[in-house]
Every structure is written in C-alpha cells, then in structure tokens.
Amino acid sequence: MDSLHAIGFYVSAAISIGGGLLVAFLPARESRGVALAVAGLGIVGLYASLSAGFAGLVALVCYAGCAALVAAPQYRVMESVVTGVWRQVGAVAAAGLFGVLAYAAWRGDFVHFAFYGGGINSASVGRLLFAHDTLATEALGALVFVALVGATAAWRLRDRSR
C-alpha cells in the first residue's frame, strides 16, 4: 500500500471510530443517526482504500438505512433485560477479546498480498483477511454470532413477559 492509500485508510478509520463513539455518547436520536451515517462513510472509505467497491456499496446502503431508522421519530429505546452484573461480565469479556485482538495485531507481520481484481472486488478483501488475519476474522464472526443469539434470546424473553 503506497502512502496515499495508507493516509486514506487511516483517515477513514479515524472517521469510522469517531462516528462510532459519537453514536455511543450523543444524547439525541437525530444526532446519533447522523453520527451513524458518518461512521458508515468511514467504513466505505476503508473498503474503497482496499479496492473493495462492492462491499463499500453494500456497507453504504446498510449504514444509510440504519441511520434513517435511528433518526426516525418512531425509534424507541429498548429496556434492558440484563442485570448490571451481566453487563459488567460482558464488558470485561469484550475488553479481553479486544486485548487478544490487539495483541494479535501487534505481534502479527504484514502480509505481502497480490491484488487480483478491479475497483469492485470483495474477493480480494476476503483473500487478504483469510491469508493474514484468520484468527481475528473467526473471532469477529463468533462475536457477531453470539451477539445475534443473545439479542434473539433477550427479545424472546421480553415478549414472554408481556
């Protein structure tokens, strides 16, 4: 990756992290929706710097839809069905996973990767992820799966209590 691509990558990463932090800490739903759209633009920039245009287009549509849903007047906050102790356990587990991924990134070596496609090619991103960051990719996939199962279970428990 040349210096211009590296600058674009790091600027896009900073935009996406900043947007994510704003989503977490802003009080009004309209401003959280705008912050989510900004985070999505950062993600699209990351995909563009990796020459994964199709994945960037999909992310743009998904983030724009989610930002519209969050900013809509019908949006309401769900009450938590988890007690404070389990929230703390989840936070400690997330911090531990972050530490493991940070250690893997710190100890990892940069991979030399051959580019096989044009501007819209998510296969190149997949090859890069599985050639260099297989453990991190698997950990993120497992984390997303566990989060979806937990959200489904919480939703079902909430519906039964009504």
N, C-alpha and C. Protein backbone atom coordinates (compact mmCIF):
# COMPACT_ATOMS: atom_id res chain seq x y z
N MET A 1 0.86 -1.16 0.00
CA MET A 1 0.00 0.00 0.00
C MET A 1 0.91 1.23 0.00
N ASP A 2 0.70 2.12 -0.97
CA ASP A 2 1.52 3.32 -1.01
C ASP A 2 1.04 4.33 0.02
N SER A 3 1.76 5.44 0.13
CA SER A 3 1.47 6.39 1.20
C SER A 3 0.11 7.05 1.06
N LEU A 4 -0.35 7.32 -0.15
CA LEU A 4 -1.66 7.94 -0.34
C LEU A 4 -2.79 7.01 0.10
N HIS A 5 -2.65 5.72 -0.24
CA HIS A 5 -3.64 4.74 0.21
C HIS A 5 -3.61 4.59 1.73
N ALA A 6 -2.41 4.59 2.30
CA ALA A 6 -2.29 4.45 3.75
C ALA A 6 -2.93 5.65 4.46
N ILE A 7 -2.73 6.85 3.93
CA ILE A 7 -3.35 8.04 4.52
C ILE A 7 -4.86 7.93 4.44
N GLY A 8 -5.38 7.54 3.27
CA GLY A 8 -6.82 7.36 3.11
C GLY A 8 -7.38 6.31 4.05
N PHE A 9 -6.63 5.23 4.22
CA PHE A 9 -7.07 4.16 5.12
C PHE A 9 -7.15 4.66 6.55
N TYR A 10 -6.12 5.33 7.03
CA TYR A 10 -6.10 5.78 8.43
C TYR A 10 -7.09 6.92 8.68
N VAL A 11 -7.28 7.81 7.71
CA VAL A 11 -8.29 8.86 7.86
C VAL A 11 -9.68 8.23 7.92
N SER A 12 -9.95 7.27 7.05
CA SER A 12 -11.25 6.59 7.06
C SER A 12 -11.46 5.83 8.37
N ALA A 13 -10.40 5.21 8.88
CA ALA A 13 -10.51 4.50 10.16
C ALA A 13 -10.82 5.49 11.29
N ALA A 14 -10.18 6.65 11.28
CA ALA A 14 -10.44 7.65 12.32
C ALA A 14 -11.87 8.17 12.22
N ILE A 15 -12.37 8.37 11.00
CA ILE A 15 -13.75 8.83 10.81
C ILE A 15 -14.73 7.79 11.33
N SER A 16 -14.48 6.52 11.02
CA SER A 16 -15.41 5.48 11.47
C SER A 16 -15.37 5.31 12.99
N ILE A 17 -14.21 5.38 13.59
CA ILE A 17 -14.12 5.28 15.05
C ILE A 17 -14.77 6.48 15.71
N GLY A 18 -14.52 7.68 15.17
CA GLY A 18 -15.15 8.87 15.72
C GLY A 18 -16.66 8.82 15.61
N GLY A 19 -17.17 8.38 14.47
CA GLY A 19 -18.62 8.24 14.31
C GLY A 19 -19.20 7.22 15.26
N GLY A 20 -18.50 6.11 15.46
CA GLY A 20 -18.98 5.10 16.40
C GLY A 20 -19.02 5.61 17.83
N LEU A 21 -18.00 6.37 18.23
CA LEU A 21 -18.00 6.94 19.57
C LEU A 21 -19.12 7.97 19.73
N LEU A 22 -19.37 8.75 18.70
CA LEU A 22 -20.47 9.72 18.76
C LEU A 22 -21.82 9.01 18.87
N VAL A 23 -21.98 7.90 18.16
CA VAL A 23 -23.23 7.13 18.27
C VAL A 23 -23.43 6.67 19.71
N ALA A 24 -22.35 6.28 20.35
CA ALA A 24 -22.46 5.77 21.72
C ALA A 24 -22.74 6.87 22.73
N PHE A 25 -22.26 8.09 22.50
CA PHE A 25 -22.32 9.10 23.54
C PHE A 25 -23.24 10.28 23.28
N LEU A 26 -23.76 10.45 22.08
CA LEU A 26 -24.66 11.59 21.83
C LEU A 26 -26.04 11.32 22.42
N PRO A 27 -26.70 12.34 22.96
CA PRO A 27 -27.98 12.11 23.63
C PRO A 27 -29.19 12.06 22.70
N ALA A 28 -29.23 12.85 21.65
CA ALA A 28 -30.41 12.93 20.80
C ALA A 28 -30.37 11.89 19.68
N ARG A 29 -31.52 11.33 19.35
CA ARG A 29 -31.56 10.28 18.33
C ARG A 29 -31.21 10.81 16.96
N GLU A 30 -31.56 12.08 16.65
CA GLU A 30 -31.23 12.63 15.34
C GLU A 30 -29.71 12.74 15.16
N SER A 31 -29.05 13.21 16.20
CA SER A 31 -27.59 13.34 16.11
C SER A 31 -26.92 11.96 16.09
N ARG A 32 -27.51 10.97 16.77
CA ARG A 32 -26.96 9.61 16.70
C ARG A 32 -27.12 9.04 15.30
N GLY A 33 -28.23 9.37 14.63
CA GLY A 33 -28.42 8.91 13.25
C GLY A 33 -27.39 9.50 12.32
N VAL A 34 -27.10 10.79 12.47
CA VAL A 34 -26.08 11.45 11.65
C VAL A 34 -24.71 10.85 11.96
N ALA A 35 -24.42 10.60 13.23
CA ALA A 35 -23.14 10.00 13.60
C ALA A 35 -23.00 8.59 13.03
N LEU A 36 -24.09 7.84 12.98
CA LEU A 36 -24.04 6.51 12.38
C LEU A 36 -23.76 6.60 10.89
N ALA A 37 -24.34 7.60 10.23
CA ALA A 37 -24.05 7.80 8.80
C ALA A 37 -22.59 8.18 8.59
N VAL A 38 -22.03 8.99 9.49
CA VAL A 38 -20.61 9.36 9.40
C VAL A 38 -19.72 8.13 9.59
N ALA A 39 -20.08 7.29 10.56
CA ALA A 39 -19.32 6.05 10.77
C ALA A 39 -19.39 5.16 9.53
N GLY A 40 -20.56 5.12 8.90
CA GLY A 40 -20.72 4.35 7.66
C GLY A 40 -19.85 4.89 6.54
N LEU A 41 -19.74 6.22 6.44
CA LEU A 41 -18.87 6.79 5.42
C LEU A 41 -17.40 6.43 5.68
N GLY A 42 -17.02 6.36 6.95
CA GLY A 42 -15.67 5.91 7.26
C GLY A 42 -15.43 4.48 6.84
N ILE A 43 -16.42 3.62 7.07
CA ILE A 43 -16.31 2.22 6.65
C ILE A 43 -16.23 2.11 5.13
N VAL A 44 -17.04 2.91 4.44
CA VAL A 44 -16.99 2.91 2.97
C VAL A 44 -15.61 3.35 2.50
N GLY A 45 -15.02 4.35 3.17
CA GLY A 45 -13.67 4.77 2.81
C GLY A 45 -12.64 3.68 3.02
N LEU A 46 -12.82 2.90 4.10
CA LEU A 46 -11.91 1.76 4.33
C LEU A 46 -12.01 0.75 3.21
N TYR A 47 -13.25 0.43 2.82
CA TYR A 47 -13.42 -0.52 1.72
C TYR A 47 -12.87 0.04 0.41
N ALA A 48 -13.05 1.33 0.18
CA ALA A 48 -12.53 1.94 -1.04
C ALA A 48 -11.01 1.90 -1.07
N SER A 49 -10.36 2.12 0.07
CA SER A 49 -8.90 2.07 0.10
C SER A 49 -8.38 0.65 -0.10
N LEU A 50 -9.22 -0.34 0.19
CA LEU A 50 -8.84 -1.73 -0.03
C LEU A 50 -9.31 -2.26 -1.39
N SER A 51 -9.84 -1.36 -2.23
CA SER A 51 -10.34 -1.69 -3.57
C SER A 51 -11.46 -2.71 -3.53
N ALA A 52 -12.33 -2.59 -2.55
CA ALA A 52 -13.50 -3.46 -2.42
C ALA A 52 -14.75 -2.61 -2.59
N GLY A 53 -14.97 -2.18 -3.83
CA GLY A 53 -16.07 -1.26 -4.12
C GLY A 53 -17.44 -1.85 -3.85
N PHE A 54 -17.63 -3.12 -4.19
CA PHE A 54 -18.94 -3.73 -3.97
C PHE A 54 -19.27 -3.81 -2.48
N ALA A 55 -18.31 -4.23 -1.68
CA ALA A 55 -18.52 -4.28 -0.23
C ALA A 55 -18.78 -2.88 0.31
N GLY A 56 -18.12 -1.87 -0.25
CA GLY A 56 -18.36 -0.49 0.15
C GLY A 56 -19.76 -0.03 -0.18
N LEU A 57 -20.27 -0.41 -1.36
CA LEU A 57 -21.64 -0.05 -1.73
C LEU A 57 -22.66 -0.71 -0.81
N VAL A 58 -22.42 -1.97 -0.48
CA VAL A 58 -23.32 -2.68 0.44
C VAL A 58 -23.29 -2.02 1.82
N ALA A 59 -22.11 -1.67 2.29
CA ALA A 59 -21.99 -1.01 3.59
C ALA A 59 -22.66 0.35 3.57
N LEU A 60 -22.54 1.09 2.46
CA LEU A 60 -23.17 2.40 2.36
C LEU A 60 -24.69 2.29 2.46
N VAL A 61 -25.27 1.32 1.76
CA VAL A 61 -26.72 1.13 1.81
C VAL A 61 -27.15 0.71 3.22
N CYS A 62 -26.42 -0.23 3.82
CA CYS A 62 -26.78 -0.71 5.16
C CYS A 62 -26.68 0.40 6.20
N TYR A 63 -25.59 1.15 6.20
CA TYR A 63 -25.43 2.21 7.18
C TYR A 63 -26.42 3.35 6.95
N ALA A 64 -26.73 3.67 5.69
CA ALA A 64 -27.72 4.72 5.43
C ALA A 64 -29.09 4.29 5.93
N GLY A 65 -29.46 3.03 5.71
CA GLY A 65 -30.73 2.53 6.22
C GLY A 65 -30.80 2.53 7.73
N CYS A 66 -29.73 2.09 8.37
CA CYS A 66 -29.71 2.08 9.84
C CYS A 66 -29.73 3.49 10.41
N ALA A 67 -29.03 4.41 9.76
CA ALA A 67 -29.04 5.80 10.24
C ALA A 67 -30.44 6.40 10.10
N ALA A 68 -31.13 6.07 9.01
CA ALA A 68 -32.50 6.57 8.84
C ALA A 68 -33.43 5.98 9.90
N LEU A 69 -33.23 4.71 10.23
CA LEU A 69 -34.06 4.10 11.27
C LEU A 69 -33.80 4.71 12.65
N VAL A 70 -32.53 4.95 12.97
CA VAL A 70 -32.20 5.52 14.27
C VAL A 70 -32.71 6.96 14.39
N ALA A 71 -32.63 7.72 13.32
CA ALA A 71 -33.05 9.13 13.36
C ALA A 71 -34.57 9.30 13.23
N ALA A 72 -35.28 8.25 12.89
CA ALA A 72 -36.73 8.35 12.70
C ALA A 72 -37.45 8.62 14.02
N PRO A 73 -38.58 9.32 13.96
CA PRO A 73 -39.31 9.60 15.20
C PRO A 73 -39.92 8.35 15.84
N GLN A 74 -40.06 7.27 15.09
CA GLN A 74 -40.64 6.04 15.65
C GLN A 74 -39.62 5.24 16.45
N TYR A 75 -38.36 5.65 16.41
CA TYR A 75 -37.31 4.92 17.11
C TYR A 75 -37.51 5.06 18.62
N ARG A 76 -37.41 3.94 19.32
CA ARG A 76 -37.52 3.98 20.78
C ARG A 76 -36.47 3.06 21.37
N VAL A 77 -36.05 3.39 22.53
CA VAL A 77 -35.00 2.62 23.21
C VAL A 77 -35.63 1.40 23.86
N MET A 78 -34.99 0.25 23.70
CA MET A 78 -35.47 -0.97 24.36
C MET A 78 -34.97 -1.01 25.78
N GLU A 79 -35.82 -1.45 26.67
CA GLU A 79 -35.37 -1.64 28.04
C GLU A 79 -34.47 -2.86 28.11
N SER A 80 -33.48 -2.76 28.93
CA SER A 80 -32.54 -3.85 29.06
C SER A 80 -33.13 -4.96 29.91
N VAL A 81 -32.93 -6.20 29.47
CA VAL A 81 -33.40 -7.35 30.24
C VAL A 81 -32.25 -7.99 31.00
N VAL A 82 -31.08 -7.37 30.93
CA VAL A 82 -29.90 -7.92 31.57
C VAL A 82 -29.58 -7.08 32.80
N THR A 83 -29.23 -7.75 33.89
CA THR A 83 -28.89 -7.03 35.11
C THR A 83 -27.50 -6.41 35.01
N GLY A 84 -27.18 -5.57 35.97
CA GLY A 84 -25.91 -4.87 35.97
C GLY A 84 -24.71 -5.79 36.06
N VAL A 85 -24.85 -6.90 36.77
CA VAL A 85 -23.73 -7.84 36.91
C VAL A 85 -23.37 -8.45 35.55
N TRP A 86 -24.37 -8.84 34.78
CA TRP A 86 -24.09 -9.43 33.48
C TRP A 86 -23.55 -8.41 32.49
N ARG A 87 -23.96 -7.16 32.64
CA ARG A 87 -23.37 -6.12 31.80
C ARG A 87 -21.88 -5.98 32.08
N GLN A 88 -21.51 -6.04 33.36
CA GLN A 88 -20.10 -5.94 33.72
C GLN A 88 -19.31 -7.14 33.21
N VAL A 89 -19.90 -8.32 33.31
CA VAL A 89 -19.23 -9.52 32.79
C VAL A 89 -19.04 -9.40 31.27
N GLY A 90 -20.06 -8.91 30.58
CA GLY A 90 -19.95 -8.71 29.14
C GLY A 90 -18.90 -7.67 28.78
N ALA A 91 -18.82 -6.60 29.57
CA ALA A 91 -17.82 -5.57 29.32
C ALA A 91 -16.41 -6.11 29.53
N VAL A 92 -16.22 -6.89 30.58
CA VAL A 92 -14.90 -7.48 30.83
C VAL A 92 -14.54 -8.46 29.72
N ALA A 93 -15.51 -9.26 29.28
CA ALA A 93 -15.25 -10.21 28.19
C ALA A 93 -14.92 -9.47 26.89
N ALA A 94 -15.63 -8.38 26.60
CA ALA A 94 -15.33 -7.60 25.40
C ALA A 94 -13.94 -6.98 25.49
N ALA A 95 -13.56 -6.49 26.67
CA ALA A 95 -12.23 -5.93 26.85
C ALA A 95 -11.16 -7.00 26.67
N GLY A 96 -11.43 -8.21 27.17
CA GLY A 96 -10.49 -9.31 26.98
C GLY A 96 -10.33 -9.67 25.52
N LEU A 97 -11.44 -9.73 24.79
CA LEU A 97 -11.38 -10.03 23.36
C LEU A 97 -10.63 -8.94 22.62
N PHE A 98 -10.88 -7.68 22.99
CA PHE A 98 -10.15 -6.58 22.38
C PHE A 98 -8.66 -6.70 22.64
N GLY A 99 -8.30 -7.08 23.86
CA GLY A 99 -6.89 -7.25 24.19
C GLY A 99 -6.24 -8.36 23.38
N VAL A 100 -6.95 -9.47 23.21
CA VAL A 100 -6.41 -10.58 22.41
C VAL A 100 -6.23 -10.15 20.96
N LEU A 101 -7.23 -9.45 20.40
CA LEU A 101 -7.12 -8.99 19.01
C LEU A 101 -6.02 -7.94 18.85
N ALA A 102 -5.87 -7.05 19.83
CA ALA A 102 -4.80 -6.06 19.77
C ALA A 102 -3.43 -6.72 19.84
N TYR A 103 -3.30 -7.73 20.70
CA TYR A 103 -2.04 -8.46 20.79
C TYR A 103 -1.74 -9.18 19.47
N ALA A 104 -2.76 -9.79 18.87
CA ALA A 104 -2.56 -10.48 17.60
C ALA A 104 -2.15 -9.49 16.51
N ALA A 105 -2.74 -8.30 16.52
CA ALA A 105 -2.37 -7.30 15.52
C ALA A 105 -0.95 -6.77 15.78
N TRP A 106 -0.59 -6.62 17.06
CA TRP A 106 0.72 -6.11 17.40
C TRP A 106 1.81 -7.12 17.06
N ARG A 107 1.57 -8.38 17.32
CA ARG A 107 2.56 -9.42 17.06
C ARG A 107 2.55 -9.91 15.62
N GLY A 108 1.52 -9.56 14.88
CA GLY A 108 1.41 -10.04 13.51
C GLY A 108 2.42 -9.38 12.59
N ASP A 109 2.65 -9.99 11.49
CA ASP A 109 3.56 -9.47 10.49
C ASP A 109 2.74 -9.02 9.30
N PHE A 110 3.20 -7.98 8.62
CA PHE A 110 2.47 -7.53 7.45
C PHE A 110 2.58 -8.58 6.36
N VAL A 111 1.46 -8.84 5.74
CA VAL A 111 1.41 -9.85 4.69
C VAL A 111 1.67 -9.19 3.34
N HIS A 112 2.33 -9.90 2.48
CA HIS A 112 2.51 -9.44 1.12
C HIS A 112 1.41 -10.09 0.29
N PHE A 113 0.62 -9.26 -0.32
CA PHE A 113 -0.61 -9.74 -0.94
C PHE A 113 -0.66 -9.28 -2.39
N ALA A 114 -1.01 -10.19 -3.29
CA ALA A 114 -1.16 -9.85 -4.69
C ALA A 114 -2.61 -9.45 -4.96
N PHE A 115 -2.80 -8.36 -5.67
CA PHE A 115 -4.14 -7.86 -5.97
C PHE A 115 -4.64 -8.53 -7.24
N TYR A 116 -5.88 -9.08 -7.18
CA TYR A 116 -6.41 -9.85 -8.30
C TYR A 116 -7.58 -9.21 -9.01
N GLY A 117 -7.93 -7.99 -8.73
CA GLY A 117 -9.16 -7.51 -9.33
C GLY A 117 -9.17 -6.02 -9.56
N GLY A 118 -10.34 -5.55 -9.96
CA GLY A 118 -10.54 -4.15 -10.25
C GLY A 118 -11.06 -3.39 -9.05
N GLY A 119 -11.83 -2.33 -9.35
CA GLY A 119 -12.32 -1.45 -8.31
C GLY A 119 -13.41 -2.06 -7.45
N ILE A 120 -14.21 -2.97 -8.01
CA ILE A 120 -15.30 -3.57 -7.25
C ILE A 120 -14.98 -5.05 -7.10
N ASN A 121 -14.26 -5.38 -6.03
CA ASN A 121 -13.82 -6.75 -5.86
C ASN A 121 -13.71 -7.07 -4.37
N SER A 122 -14.72 -7.70 -3.83
CA SER A 122 -14.66 -8.09 -2.42
C SER A 122 -13.89 -9.39 -2.22
N ALA A 123 -13.64 -10.13 -3.29
CA ALA A 123 -12.87 -11.36 -3.16
C ALA A 123 -11.44 -11.07 -2.72
N SER A 124 -10.89 -9.95 -3.15
CA SER A 124 -9.54 -9.58 -2.73
C SER A 124 -9.49 -9.31 -1.23
N VAL A 125 -10.52 -8.65 -0.70
CA VAL A 125 -10.56 -8.40 0.74
C VAL A 125 -10.67 -9.72 1.49
N GLY A 126 -11.49 -10.65 0.99
CA GLY A 126 -11.63 -11.96 1.61
C GLY A 126 -10.31 -12.71 1.62
N ARG A 127 -9.60 -12.69 0.49
CA ARG A 127 -8.29 -13.36 0.44
C ARG A 127 -7.32 -12.75 1.44
N LEU A 128 -7.33 -11.41 1.52
CA LEU A 128 -6.44 -10.74 2.45
C LEU A 128 -6.77 -11.11 3.90
N LEU A 129 -8.06 -11.11 4.24
CA LEU A 129 -8.45 -11.44 5.61
C LEU A 129 -8.08 -12.87 5.97
N PHE A 130 -8.31 -13.80 5.07
CA PHE A 130 -8.02 -15.19 5.39
C PHE A 130 -6.55 -15.53 5.25
N ALA A 131 -5.78 -14.75 4.50
CA ALA A 131 -4.35 -15.02 4.40
C ALA A 131 -3.60 -14.47 5.60
N HIS A 132 -4.09 -13.36 6.18
CA HIS A 132 -3.32 -12.69 7.22
C HIS A 132 -4.00 -12.71 8.58
N ASP A 133 -5.29 -12.50 8.62
CA ASP A 133 -5.99 -12.33 9.87
C ASP A 133 -7.08 -13.38 10.07
N THR A 134 -6.75 -14.62 9.89
CA THR A 134 -7.74 -15.68 10.01
C THR A 134 -8.31 -15.77 11.41
N LEU A 135 -7.47 -15.72 12.41
CA LEU A 135 -7.94 -15.82 13.79
C LEU A 135 -8.84 -14.64 14.15
N ALA A 136 -8.45 -13.44 13.75
CA ALA A 136 -9.28 -12.27 14.04
C ALA A 136 -10.60 -12.34 13.30
N THR A 137 -10.59 -12.82 12.06
CA THR A 137 -11.83 -12.95 11.29
C THR A 137 -12.76 -13.96 11.95
N GLU A 138 -12.22 -15.08 12.38
CA GLU A 138 -13.04 -16.08 13.06
C GLU A 138 -13.57 -15.56 14.39
N ALA A 139 -12.76 -14.82 15.13
CA ALA A 139 -13.20 -14.26 16.40
C ALA A 139 -14.33 -13.26 16.20
N LEU A 140 -14.21 -12.42 15.19
CA LEU A 140 -15.28 -11.46 14.92
C LEU A 140 -16.55 -12.15 14.45
N GLY A 141 -16.41 -13.18 13.64
CA GLY A 141 -17.59 -13.95 13.22
C GLY A 141 -18.28 -14.60 14.40
N ALA A 142 -17.51 -15.17 15.31
CA ALA A 142 -18.10 -15.78 16.51
C ALA A 142 -18.75 -14.73 17.40
N LEU A 143 -18.12 -13.56 17.51
CA LEU A 143 -18.69 -12.49 18.31
C LEU A 143 -20.02 -12.01 17.74
N VAL A 144 -20.10 -11.86 16.44
CA VAL A 144 -21.36 -11.45 15.81
C VAL A 144 -22.43 -12.52 16.01
N PHE A 145 -22.04 -13.78 15.89
CA PHE A 145 -23.00 -14.87 16.09
C PHE A 145 -23.54 -14.88 17.52
N VAL A 146 -22.65 -14.75 18.49
CA VAL A 146 -23.08 -14.74 19.89
C VAL A 146 -23.97 -13.53 20.17
N ALA A 147 -23.63 -12.39 19.60
CA ALA A 147 -24.45 -11.19 19.80
C ALA A 147 -25.85 -11.38 19.21
N LEU A 148 -25.94 -11.99 18.03
CA LEU A 148 -27.26 -12.23 17.43
C LEU A 148 -28.08 -13.23 18.24
N VAL A 149 -27.44 -14.27 18.73
CA VAL A 149 -28.16 -15.24 19.55
C VAL A 149 -28.62 -14.59 20.86
N GLY A 150 -27.76 -13.79 21.47
CA GLY A 150 -28.14 -13.10 22.70
C GLY A 150 -29.26 -12.11 22.49
N ALA A 151 -29.22 -11.37 21.39
CA ALA A 151 -30.29 -10.42 21.09
C ALA A 151 -31.61 -11.14 20.84
N THR A 152 -31.55 -12.27 20.16
CA THR A 152 -32.76 -13.04 19.91
C THR A 152 -33.33 -13.59 21.23
N ALA A 153 -32.47 -14.10 22.08
CA ALA A 153 -32.94 -14.62 23.37
C ALA A 153 -33.52 -13.51 24.23
N ALA A 154 -32.89 -12.36 24.25
CA ALA A 154 -33.42 -11.24 25.03
C ALA A 154 -34.77 -10.79 24.49
N TRP A 155 -34.89 -10.76 23.18
CA TRP A 155 -36.16 -10.36 22.57
C TRP A 155 -37.27 -11.35 22.93
N ARG A 156 -36.96 -12.63 22.87
CA ARG A 156 -37.97 -13.65 23.20
C ARG A 156 -38.37 -13.58 24.67
N LEU A 157 -37.40 -13.37 25.57
CA LEU A 157 -37.72 -13.23 26.99
C LEU A 157 -38.59 -12.01 27.24
N ARG A 158 -38.32 -10.95 26.53
CA ARG A 158 -39.11 -9.73 26.69
C ARG A 158 -40.54 -9.95 26.19
N ASP A 159 -40.71 -10.66 25.08
CA ASP A 159 -42.04 -10.92 24.54
C ASP A 159 -42.84 -11.86 25.46
N ARG A 160 -42.19 -12.80 26.10
CA ARG A 160 -42.90 -13.72 27.01
C ARG A 160 -43.39 -13.03 28.27
N SER A 161 -42.68 -12.00 28.68
CA SER A 161 -43.04 -11.32 29.92
C SER A 161 -44.27 -10.42 29.75
N ARG A 162 -44.67 -10.15 28.53
CA ARG A 162 -45.85 -9.29 28.30
C ARG A 162 -47.12 -10.02 28.50
